[in-house]
N, C-alpha and C. Protein backbone atom coordinates (compact mmCIF):
# COMPACT_ATOMS: atom_id res chain seq x y z
N UNK A 1 -21.13 -5.78 5.11
CA UNK A 1 -21.21 -6.30 6.46
C UNK A 1 -20.29 -5.48 7.38
N UNK A 2 -20.80 -5.05 8.50
CA UNK A 2 -20.02 -4.28 9.46
C UNK A 2 -19.28 -5.25 10.37
N UNK A 3 -17.99 -5.05 10.50
CA UNK A 3 -17.17 -5.93 11.33
C UNK A 3 -17.02 -5.30 12.70
N UNK A 4 -17.26 -6.07 13.73
CA UNK A 4 -17.07 -5.61 15.10
C UNK A 4 -15.63 -5.84 15.51
N UNK A 5 -15.06 -4.89 16.22
CA UNK A 5 -13.69 -5.08 16.70
C UNK A 5 -13.65 -5.21 18.21
N UNK A 6 -14.70 -5.75 18.76
CA UNK A 6 -14.73 -5.99 20.20
C UNK A 6 -14.72 -7.49 20.43
N UNK A 7 -13.86 -7.92 21.33
CA UNK A 7 -13.77 -9.33 21.65
C UNK A 7 -13.94 -9.50 23.15
N UNK A 8 -14.42 -10.65 23.55
CA UNK A 8 -14.58 -10.92 24.98
C UNK A 8 -13.95 -12.27 25.26
N UNK A 9 -13.13 -12.30 26.29
CA UNK A 9 -12.52 -13.56 26.68
C UNK A 9 -13.09 -13.99 28.02
N UNK A 10 -13.00 -15.29 28.28
CA UNK A 10 -13.61 -15.83 29.50
C UNK A 10 -12.99 -15.27 30.77
N UNK A 11 -11.64 -15.02 30.75
CA UNK A 11 -11.00 -14.55 31.99
C UNK A 11 -11.06 -13.03 32.15
N UNK A 12 -11.56 -12.33 31.16
CA UNK A 12 -11.68 -10.88 31.27
C UNK A 12 -13.16 -10.53 31.38
N UNK A 13 -13.48 -9.64 32.28
CA UNK A 13 -14.87 -9.31 32.50
C UNK A 13 -15.48 -8.44 31.43
N UNK A 14 -14.68 -7.55 30.81
CA UNK A 14 -15.26 -6.59 29.87
C UNK A 14 -14.91 -6.89 28.44
N UNK A 15 -15.43 -6.05 27.57
CA UNK A 15 -15.14 -6.17 26.16
C UNK A 15 -13.84 -5.47 25.84
N UNK A 16 -13.10 -6.00 24.92
CA UNK A 16 -11.84 -5.39 24.51
C UNK A 16 -12.00 -4.88 23.08
N UNK A 17 -11.40 -3.75 22.81
CA UNK A 17 -11.39 -3.19 21.47
C UNK A 17 -9.96 -3.24 20.97
N UNK A 18 -9.78 -3.54 19.68
CA UNK A 18 -8.44 -3.65 19.13
C UNK A 18 -7.98 -2.31 18.57
N UNK A 19 -6.69 -2.03 18.82
CA UNK A 19 -6.07 -0.79 18.39
C UNK A 19 -4.75 -1.08 17.70
N UNK A 20 -4.43 -0.26 16.70
CA UNK A 20 -3.11 -0.26 16.09
C UNK A 20 -2.29 0.75 16.87
N UNK A 21 -1.12 0.33 17.35
CA UNK A 21 -0.27 1.25 18.09
C UNK A 21 0.89 1.69 17.22
N UNK A 22 1.27 2.96 17.38
CA UNK A 22 2.36 3.52 16.61
C UNK A 22 3.08 4.56 17.44
N UNK A 23 4.27 4.95 16.96
CA UNK A 23 5.06 5.93 17.70
C UNK A 23 5.18 7.23 16.91
N UNK A 24 5.20 8.30 17.66
CA UNK A 24 5.50 9.65 17.18
C UNK A 24 6.48 10.22 18.19
N UNK A 25 7.73 10.36 17.78
CA UNK A 25 8.74 10.80 18.73
C UNK A 25 8.80 9.81 19.88
N UNK A 26 8.83 10.29 21.12
CA UNK A 26 8.95 9.38 22.26
C UNK A 26 7.62 8.79 22.72
N UNK A 27 6.52 9.26 22.16
CA UNK A 27 5.20 8.83 22.62
C UNK A 27 4.65 7.67 21.79
N UNK A 28 3.79 6.87 22.45
CA UNK A 28 3.13 5.77 21.76
C UNK A 28 1.63 6.07 21.72
N UNK A 29 1.05 5.90 20.55
CA UNK A 29 -0.35 6.23 20.30
C UNK A 29 -1.11 4.98 19.87
N UNK A 30 -2.44 5.05 19.98
CA UNK A 30 -3.29 3.95 19.56
C UNK A 30 -4.50 4.51 18.82
N UNK A 31 -4.86 3.84 17.70
CA UNK A 31 -6.07 4.21 16.96
C UNK A 31 -6.88 2.95 16.69
N UNK A 32 -8.17 3.12 16.52
CA UNK A 32 -9.09 2.02 16.25
C UNK A 32 -8.63 1.27 15.00
N UNK A 33 -8.40 -0.03 15.13
CA UNK A 33 -7.89 -0.85 14.03
C UNK A 33 -8.86 -0.88 12.84
N UNK A 34 -10.15 -0.71 13.10
CA UNK A 34 -11.12 -0.77 12.00
C UNK A 34 -11.04 0.44 11.06
N UNK A 35 -10.34 1.49 11.48
CA UNK A 35 -10.15 2.66 10.61
C UNK A 35 -8.97 2.46 9.66
N UNK A 36 -8.14 1.44 9.94
CA UNK A 36 -6.91 1.22 9.17
C UNK A 36 -7.22 0.36 7.95
N UNK A 37 -6.83 0.87 6.79
CA UNK A 37 -7.00 0.13 5.54
C UNK A 37 -5.74 -0.66 5.21
N UNK A 38 -4.57 -0.02 5.34
CA UNK A 38 -3.29 -0.68 5.09
C UNK A 38 -2.15 0.15 5.66
N UNK A 39 -0.97 -0.47 5.70
CA UNK A 39 0.24 0.21 6.17
C UNK A 39 1.26 0.09 5.05
N UNK A 40 1.86 1.23 4.69
CA UNK A 40 2.83 1.27 3.59
C UNK A 40 4.11 1.96 4.05
N UNK A 41 5.19 1.64 3.37
CA UNK A 41 6.43 2.36 3.60
C UNK A 41 6.27 3.79 3.09
N UNK A 42 7.03 4.71 3.65
CA UNK A 42 6.93 6.11 3.25
C UNK A 42 7.58 6.33 1.90
N UNK A 43 6.85 6.98 1.02
CA UNK A 43 7.36 7.45 -0.26
C UNK A 43 6.99 8.93 -0.35
N UNK A 44 7.92 9.78 -0.81
CA UNK A 44 7.60 11.20 -0.88
C UNK A 44 6.36 11.44 -1.77
N UNK A 45 5.37 12.14 -1.22
CA UNK A 45 4.16 12.43 -2.01
C UNK A 45 4.38 13.60 -2.96
N UNK A 46 3.43 13.79 -3.85
CA UNK A 46 3.42 14.96 -4.72
C UNK A 46 2.94 16.14 -3.89
N UNK A 47 3.75 17.18 -3.80
CA UNK A 47 3.40 18.32 -2.95
C UNK A 47 2.31 19.16 -3.60
N UNK A 48 1.57 19.84 -2.75
CA UNK A 48 0.48 20.72 -3.16
C UNK A 48 0.83 22.14 -2.70
N UNK A 49 0.81 23.08 -3.63
CA UNK A 49 1.14 24.47 -3.29
C UNK A 49 0.17 25.04 -2.26
N UNK A 50 0.69 25.82 -1.35
CA UNK A 50 -0.08 26.53 -0.33
C UNK A 50 -0.80 25.63 0.67
N UNK A 51 -0.45 24.36 0.74
CA UNK A 51 -1.05 23.47 1.73
C UNK A 51 -0.36 23.72 3.07
N UNK A 52 -1.06 23.49 4.19
CA UNK A 52 -0.42 23.63 5.49
C UNK A 52 0.78 22.68 5.58
N UNK A 53 1.75 23.00 6.44
CA UNK A 53 2.98 22.22 6.56
C UNK A 53 2.72 20.76 6.89
N UNK A 54 1.66 20.46 7.67
CA UNK A 54 1.40 19.08 8.06
C UNK A 54 0.82 18.24 6.93
N UNK A 55 0.34 18.88 5.87
CA UNK A 55 -0.13 18.12 4.69
C UNK A 55 1.05 18.01 3.74
N UNK A 56 1.62 16.81 3.68
CA UNK A 56 2.82 16.59 2.89
C UNK A 56 2.54 16.56 1.40
N UNK A 57 1.31 16.28 1.02
CA UNK A 57 0.95 16.20 -0.40
C UNK A 57 -0.04 15.09 -0.62
N UNK A 58 -0.01 14.51 -1.82
CA UNK A 58 -0.94 13.44 -2.17
C UNK A 58 -0.18 12.30 -2.86
N UNK A 59 -0.75 11.10 -2.76
CA UNK A 59 -0.23 9.96 -3.51
C UNK A 59 -1.37 9.34 -4.30
N UNK A 60 -1.02 8.60 -5.33
CA UNK A 60 -2.00 7.87 -6.12
C UNK A 60 -1.96 6.42 -5.62
N UNK A 61 -3.02 6.01 -4.98
CA UNK A 61 -3.10 4.66 -4.42
C UNK A 61 -4.13 3.87 -5.22
N UNK A 62 -3.65 3.13 -6.20
CA UNK A 62 -4.51 2.32 -7.06
C UNK A 62 -5.66 3.14 -7.63
N UNK A 63 -5.33 4.32 -8.14
CA UNK A 63 -6.32 5.17 -8.78
C UNK A 63 -7.05 6.13 -7.87
N UNK A 64 -6.79 6.07 -6.58
CA UNK A 64 -7.42 6.98 -5.61
C UNK A 64 -6.37 7.99 -5.18
N UNK A 65 -6.70 9.28 -5.25
CA UNK A 65 -5.79 10.33 -4.78
C UNK A 65 -5.96 10.45 -3.27
N UNK A 66 -4.86 10.20 -2.55
CA UNK A 66 -4.90 10.14 -1.09
C UNK A 66 -4.06 11.26 -0.49
N UNK A 67 -4.68 12.16 0.27
CA UNK A 67 -3.90 13.19 0.97
C UNK A 67 -3.07 12.55 2.08
N UNK A 68 -1.84 13.06 2.27
CA UNK A 68 -0.92 12.52 3.27
C UNK A 68 -0.68 13.59 4.34
N UNK A 69 -1.01 13.25 5.58
CA UNK A 69 -0.85 14.15 6.72
C UNK A 69 0.28 13.62 7.59
N UNK A 70 1.27 14.45 7.89
CA UNK A 70 2.36 14.04 8.77
C UNK A 70 1.94 14.39 10.20
N UNK A 71 1.58 13.37 10.97
CA UNK A 71 1.11 13.61 12.34
C UNK A 71 2.21 14.16 13.23
N UNK A 72 3.47 13.90 12.91
CA UNK A 72 4.56 14.44 13.72
C UNK A 72 4.57 15.96 13.63
N UNK A 73 4.32 16.49 12.44
CA UNK A 73 4.27 17.94 12.26
C UNK A 73 2.98 18.49 12.86
N UNK A 74 1.86 17.81 12.60
CA UNK A 74 0.56 18.25 13.10
C UNK A 74 0.55 18.35 14.62
N UNK A 75 1.12 17.33 15.29
CA UNK A 75 1.11 17.30 16.74
C UNK A 75 2.32 17.99 17.36
N UNK A 76 3.30 18.37 16.55
CA UNK A 76 4.51 18.99 17.07
C UNK A 76 5.32 18.05 17.94
N UNK A 77 5.36 16.77 17.55
CA UNK A 77 6.03 15.74 18.33
C UNK A 77 7.26 15.26 17.57
N UNK A 78 8.42 15.44 18.14
CA UNK A 78 9.63 14.93 17.51
C UNK A 78 9.97 15.66 16.22
N UNK A 79 11.06 15.23 15.62
CA UNK A 79 11.50 15.82 14.36
C UNK A 79 11.02 14.92 13.23
N UNK A 80 10.56 15.53 12.16
CA UNK A 80 10.02 14.76 11.03
C UNK A 80 11.14 14.26 10.13
N UNK A 81 11.88 13.25 10.63
CA UNK A 81 12.91 12.59 9.83
C UNK A 81 12.28 11.41 9.11
N UNK A 82 12.61 11.24 7.85
CA UNK A 82 12.06 10.14 7.08
C UNK A 82 13.13 9.06 6.98
N UNK A 83 12.92 7.97 7.73
CA UNK A 83 13.85 6.86 7.81
C UNK A 83 13.21 5.62 7.19
N UNK A 84 13.95 4.53 7.09
CA UNK A 84 13.34 3.29 6.59
C UNK A 84 12.19 2.78 7.48
N UNK A 85 12.12 3.25 8.73
CA UNK A 85 11.06 2.83 9.64
C UNK A 85 9.81 3.70 9.54
N UNK A 86 9.92 4.85 8.88
CA UNK A 86 8.77 5.75 8.72
C UNK A 86 7.73 5.07 7.84
N UNK A 87 6.49 5.10 8.31
CA UNK A 87 5.42 4.45 7.55
C UNK A 87 4.24 5.40 7.36
N UNK A 88 3.41 5.04 6.39
CA UNK A 88 2.15 5.74 6.16
C UNK A 88 1.03 4.76 6.48
N UNK A 89 0.17 5.15 7.40
CA UNK A 89 -1.00 4.35 7.72
C UNK A 89 -2.15 4.89 6.87
N UNK A 90 -2.68 4.06 6.01
CA UNK A 90 -3.79 4.46 5.15
C UNK A 90 -5.08 4.19 5.92
N UNK A 91 -5.87 5.24 6.11
CA UNK A 91 -7.11 5.16 6.87
C UNK A 91 -8.32 5.28 5.96
N UNK A 92 -9.38 4.62 6.34
CA UNK A 92 -10.66 4.79 5.67
C UNK A 92 -11.60 5.37 6.72
N UNK A 93 -11.96 6.65 6.50
CA UNK A 93 -12.77 7.36 7.50
C UNK A 93 -13.99 7.95 6.80
N UNK A 94 -15.15 7.42 7.15
CA UNK A 94 -16.42 7.87 6.60
C UNK A 94 -16.34 7.96 5.07
N UNK A 95 -15.87 6.91 4.46
CA UNK A 95 -15.81 6.85 3.01
C UNK A 95 -14.66 7.62 2.37
N UNK A 96 -13.82 8.27 3.17
CA UNK A 96 -12.67 9.01 2.66
C UNK A 96 -11.40 8.23 2.98
N UNK A 97 -10.44 8.30 2.08
CA UNK A 97 -9.15 7.64 2.30
C UNK A 97 -8.11 8.72 2.55
N UNK A 98 -7.39 8.60 3.68
CA UNK A 98 -6.38 9.56 4.09
C UNK A 98 -5.18 8.78 4.61
N UNK A 99 -3.97 9.28 4.37
CA UNK A 99 -2.78 8.65 4.89
C UNK A 99 -2.17 9.50 5.99
N UNK A 100 -1.66 8.85 7.04
CA UNK A 100 -0.97 9.58 8.10
C UNK A 100 0.45 9.03 8.21
N UNK A 101 1.42 9.94 8.32
CA UNK A 101 2.82 9.57 8.45
C UNK A 101 3.15 9.48 9.94
N UNK A 102 3.75 8.34 10.33
CA UNK A 102 4.16 8.12 11.71
C UNK A 102 5.59 7.58 11.73
N UNK A 103 6.24 7.65 12.88
CA UNK A 103 7.63 7.17 13.00
C UNK A 103 7.73 5.66 12.80
N UNK A 104 6.75 4.93 13.29
CA UNK A 104 6.77 3.47 13.16
C UNK A 104 5.53 2.87 13.76
N UNK A 105 5.19 1.68 13.29
CA UNK A 105 4.03 0.94 13.82
C UNK A 105 4.55 -0.07 14.82
N UNK A 106 3.89 -0.16 15.97
CA UNK A 106 4.33 -1.09 17.02
C UNK A 106 3.64 -2.44 16.86
N UNK A 107 2.33 -2.49 17.13
CA UNK A 107 1.59 -3.74 17.06
C UNK A 107 0.10 -3.48 17.13
N UNK A 108 -0.66 -4.56 17.13
CA UNK A 108 -2.11 -4.47 17.35
C UNK A 108 -2.34 -4.99 18.76
N UNK A 109 -3.08 -4.24 19.53
CA UNK A 109 -3.31 -4.63 20.91
C UNK A 109 -4.77 -4.45 21.27
N UNK A 110 -5.22 -5.17 22.28
CA UNK A 110 -6.58 -5.06 22.76
C UNK A 110 -6.59 -4.31 24.08
N UNK A 111 -7.52 -3.39 24.21
CA UNK A 111 -7.71 -2.66 25.46
C UNK A 111 -9.15 -2.78 25.90
N UNK A 112 -9.36 -3.10 27.16
CA UNK A 112 -10.70 -3.10 27.72
C UNK A 112 -11.03 -1.69 28.19
N UNK A 113 -12.28 -1.37 28.29
CA UNK A 113 -12.68 -0.01 28.67
C UNK A 113 -12.09 0.40 30.01
N UNK A 114 -11.93 -0.53 30.94
CA UNK A 114 -11.36 -0.18 32.25
C UNK A 114 -9.86 0.10 32.18
N UNK A 115 -9.22 -0.23 31.06
CA UNK A 115 -7.79 0.07 30.88
C UNK A 115 -7.57 1.46 30.31
N UNK A 116 -8.63 2.15 29.95
CA UNK A 116 -8.51 3.48 29.35
C UNK A 116 -9.02 4.52 30.35
N UNK A 117 -8.13 5.40 30.74
CA UNK A 117 -8.44 6.46 31.70
C UNK A 117 -8.66 7.77 30.95
N UNK A 118 -9.48 8.66 31.49
CA UNK A 118 -9.65 9.97 30.85
C UNK A 118 -8.31 10.70 30.78
N UNK A 119 -8.12 11.42 29.70
CA UNK A 119 -6.86 12.16 29.52
C UNK A 119 -6.92 13.48 30.27
N UNK A 120 -5.89 13.77 31.08
CA UNK A 120 -5.85 15.10 31.70
C UNK A 120 -5.57 16.15 30.64
N UNK A 121 -5.87 17.38 30.91
CA UNK A 121 -5.70 18.46 29.94
C UNK A 121 -4.26 18.63 29.46
N UNK A 122 -3.30 18.24 30.27
CA UNK A 122 -1.89 18.44 29.92
C UNK A 122 -1.21 17.12 29.54
N UNK A 123 -1.97 16.10 29.18
CA UNK A 123 -1.43 14.75 28.98
C UNK A 123 -0.41 14.65 27.85
N UNK A 124 -0.58 15.44 26.80
CA UNK A 124 0.32 15.29 25.64
C UNK A 124 0.33 16.59 24.86
N UNK A 125 1.18 16.64 23.87
CA UNK A 125 1.23 17.82 23.02
C UNK A 125 0.06 17.84 22.04
N UNK A 126 -0.70 16.75 21.99
CA UNK A 126 -1.86 16.66 21.11
C UNK A 126 -3.01 17.41 21.75
N UNK A 127 -3.79 18.10 20.93
CA UNK A 127 -5.00 18.76 21.41
C UNK A 127 -5.89 17.68 22.03
N UNK A 128 -6.23 17.82 23.30
CA UNK A 128 -6.96 16.77 24.01
C UNK A 128 -8.39 16.57 23.49
N UNK A 129 -8.86 17.44 22.62
CA UNK A 129 -10.19 17.22 22.02
C UNK A 129 -10.20 15.93 21.20
N UNK A 130 -9.04 15.50 20.75
CA UNK A 130 -8.95 14.33 19.89
C UNK A 130 -8.40 13.10 20.62
N UNK A 131 -8.35 13.17 21.94
CA UNK A 131 -7.84 12.05 22.73
C UNK A 131 -9.01 11.40 23.46
N UNK A 132 -9.18 10.09 23.24
CA UNK A 132 -10.22 9.35 23.95
C UNK A 132 -9.80 9.03 25.37
N UNK A 133 -8.49 8.95 25.60
CA UNK A 133 -7.99 8.64 26.93
C UNK A 133 -6.59 8.10 26.87
N UNK A 134 -6.11 7.66 28.02
CA UNK A 134 -4.79 7.06 28.13
C UNK A 134 -4.95 5.59 28.48
N UNK A 135 -4.46 4.73 27.60
CA UNK A 135 -4.56 3.29 27.81
C UNK A 135 -3.33 2.78 28.53
N UNK A 136 -3.53 1.84 29.45
CA UNK A 136 -2.40 1.27 30.17
C UNK A 136 -2.30 -0.22 29.88
N UNK A 137 -1.10 -0.63 29.50
CA UNK A 137 -0.77 -2.04 29.28
C UNK A 137 0.50 -2.33 30.06
N UNK A 138 0.35 -2.79 31.29
CA UNK A 138 1.53 -3.00 32.14
C UNK A 138 2.22 -1.67 32.37
N UNK A 139 3.48 -1.56 31.94
CA UNK A 139 4.25 -0.33 32.08
C UNK A 139 4.04 0.64 30.92
N UNK A 140 3.38 0.18 29.86
CA UNK A 140 3.18 1.02 28.67
C UNK A 140 1.99 1.95 28.85
N UNK A 141 2.16 3.17 28.38
CA UNK A 141 1.08 4.15 28.39
C UNK A 141 0.81 4.51 26.93
N UNK A 142 -0.43 4.33 26.48
CA UNK A 142 -0.82 4.62 25.11
C UNK A 142 -1.78 5.79 25.08
N UNK A 143 -1.52 6.74 24.18
CA UNK A 143 -2.44 7.85 23.99
C UNK A 143 -3.45 7.39 22.94
N UNK A 144 -4.69 7.21 23.37
CA UNK A 144 -5.73 6.69 22.48
C UNK A 144 -6.37 7.87 21.75
N UNK A 145 -6.12 7.94 20.44
CA UNK A 145 -6.56 9.06 19.62
C UNK A 145 -7.86 8.71 18.89
N UNK A 146 -8.80 9.63 18.92
CA UNK A 146 -10.01 9.49 18.10
C UNK A 146 -9.65 10.00 16.72
N UNK A 147 -9.10 9.13 15.88
CA UNK A 147 -8.56 9.52 14.59
C UNK A 147 -9.64 10.03 13.66
N UNK A 148 -10.84 9.49 13.78
CA UNK A 148 -11.94 9.96 12.93
C UNK A 148 -12.31 11.40 13.28
N UNK A 149 -12.42 11.69 14.56
CA UNK A 149 -12.75 13.05 15.01
C UNK A 149 -11.66 14.03 14.56
N UNK A 150 -10.38 13.62 14.66
CA UNK A 150 -9.27 14.46 14.25
C UNK A 150 -9.32 14.74 12.75
N UNK A 151 -9.47 13.69 11.95
CA UNK A 151 -9.44 13.85 10.50
C UNK A 151 -10.65 14.59 9.95
N UNK A 152 -11.77 14.54 10.67
CA UNK A 152 -12.98 15.24 10.22
C UNK A 152 -13.13 16.62 10.85
N UNK A 153 -12.15 17.04 11.65
CA UNK A 153 -12.23 18.33 12.32
C UNK A 153 -12.13 19.48 11.32
N UNK A 154 -12.56 20.64 11.73
CA UNK A 154 -12.54 21.82 10.87
C UNK A 154 -11.17 22.13 10.32
N UNK A 155 -10.13 22.04 11.17
CA UNK A 155 -8.78 22.35 10.71
C UNK A 155 -8.28 21.34 9.69
N UNK A 156 -8.80 20.12 9.70
CA UNK A 156 -8.38 19.11 8.73
C UNK A 156 -9.29 19.10 7.51
N UNK A 157 -10.32 19.94 7.49
CA UNK A 157 -11.18 20.03 6.30
C UNK A 157 -10.34 20.38 5.09
N UNK A 158 -9.18 20.95 5.33
CA UNK A 158 -8.24 21.26 4.23
C UNK A 158 -7.87 20.00 3.48
N UNK A 159 -7.88 18.86 4.15
CA UNK A 159 -7.51 17.60 3.51
C UNK A 159 -8.45 17.33 2.33
N UNK A 160 -9.72 17.58 2.52
CA UNK A 160 -10.68 17.35 1.43
C UNK A 160 -10.41 18.29 0.26
N UNK A 161 -10.08 19.55 0.56
CA UNK A 161 -9.79 20.50 -0.49
C UNK A 161 -8.55 20.10 -1.27
N UNK A 162 -7.52 19.63 -0.55
CA UNK A 162 -6.29 19.21 -1.22
C UNK A 162 -6.55 17.99 -2.09
N UNK A 163 -7.36 17.06 -1.60
CA UNK A 163 -7.63 15.83 -2.36
C UNK A 163 -8.32 16.14 -3.68
N UNK A 164 -9.09 17.21 -3.72
CA UNK A 164 -9.80 17.56 -4.96
C UNK A 164 -8.94 18.36 -5.93
N UNK A 165 -7.78 18.87 -5.44
CA UNK A 165 -6.90 19.70 -6.28
C UNK A 165 -6.29 18.90 -7.40
């Protein structure tokens, strides 16, 4: 059964989509909550020789080998310090399981389509090809990332190769 992540409330005119928000350095990001399988504390993965710097390695998650991508390194945002607040978000994307390392998870929030503005070309250090837009929640600005498009991109195809190693 496919679960919809759009809700409509009587006082809001449009549909809202739920997002998991997280931080990378000083920026706050949002990804589609339906792509999230679980959130785990950071544990050092098994490293893979000759993998790009942003691929930290792999972990064994209940019998599934999961590649771990450090988004802080990939996006060049902040310093990749591993603290007790560092977490791994386990994603399920088109039948593949991938983990992403982030500084911390904030919350789950709903954004209506009118709250998401197109991202200008210089909006963030992230390649704007993977940004759906900038979400506004009061004073908060969220960079809404198309995590599926990012993880399935040509440069991340390495993730599949590492997972098979």
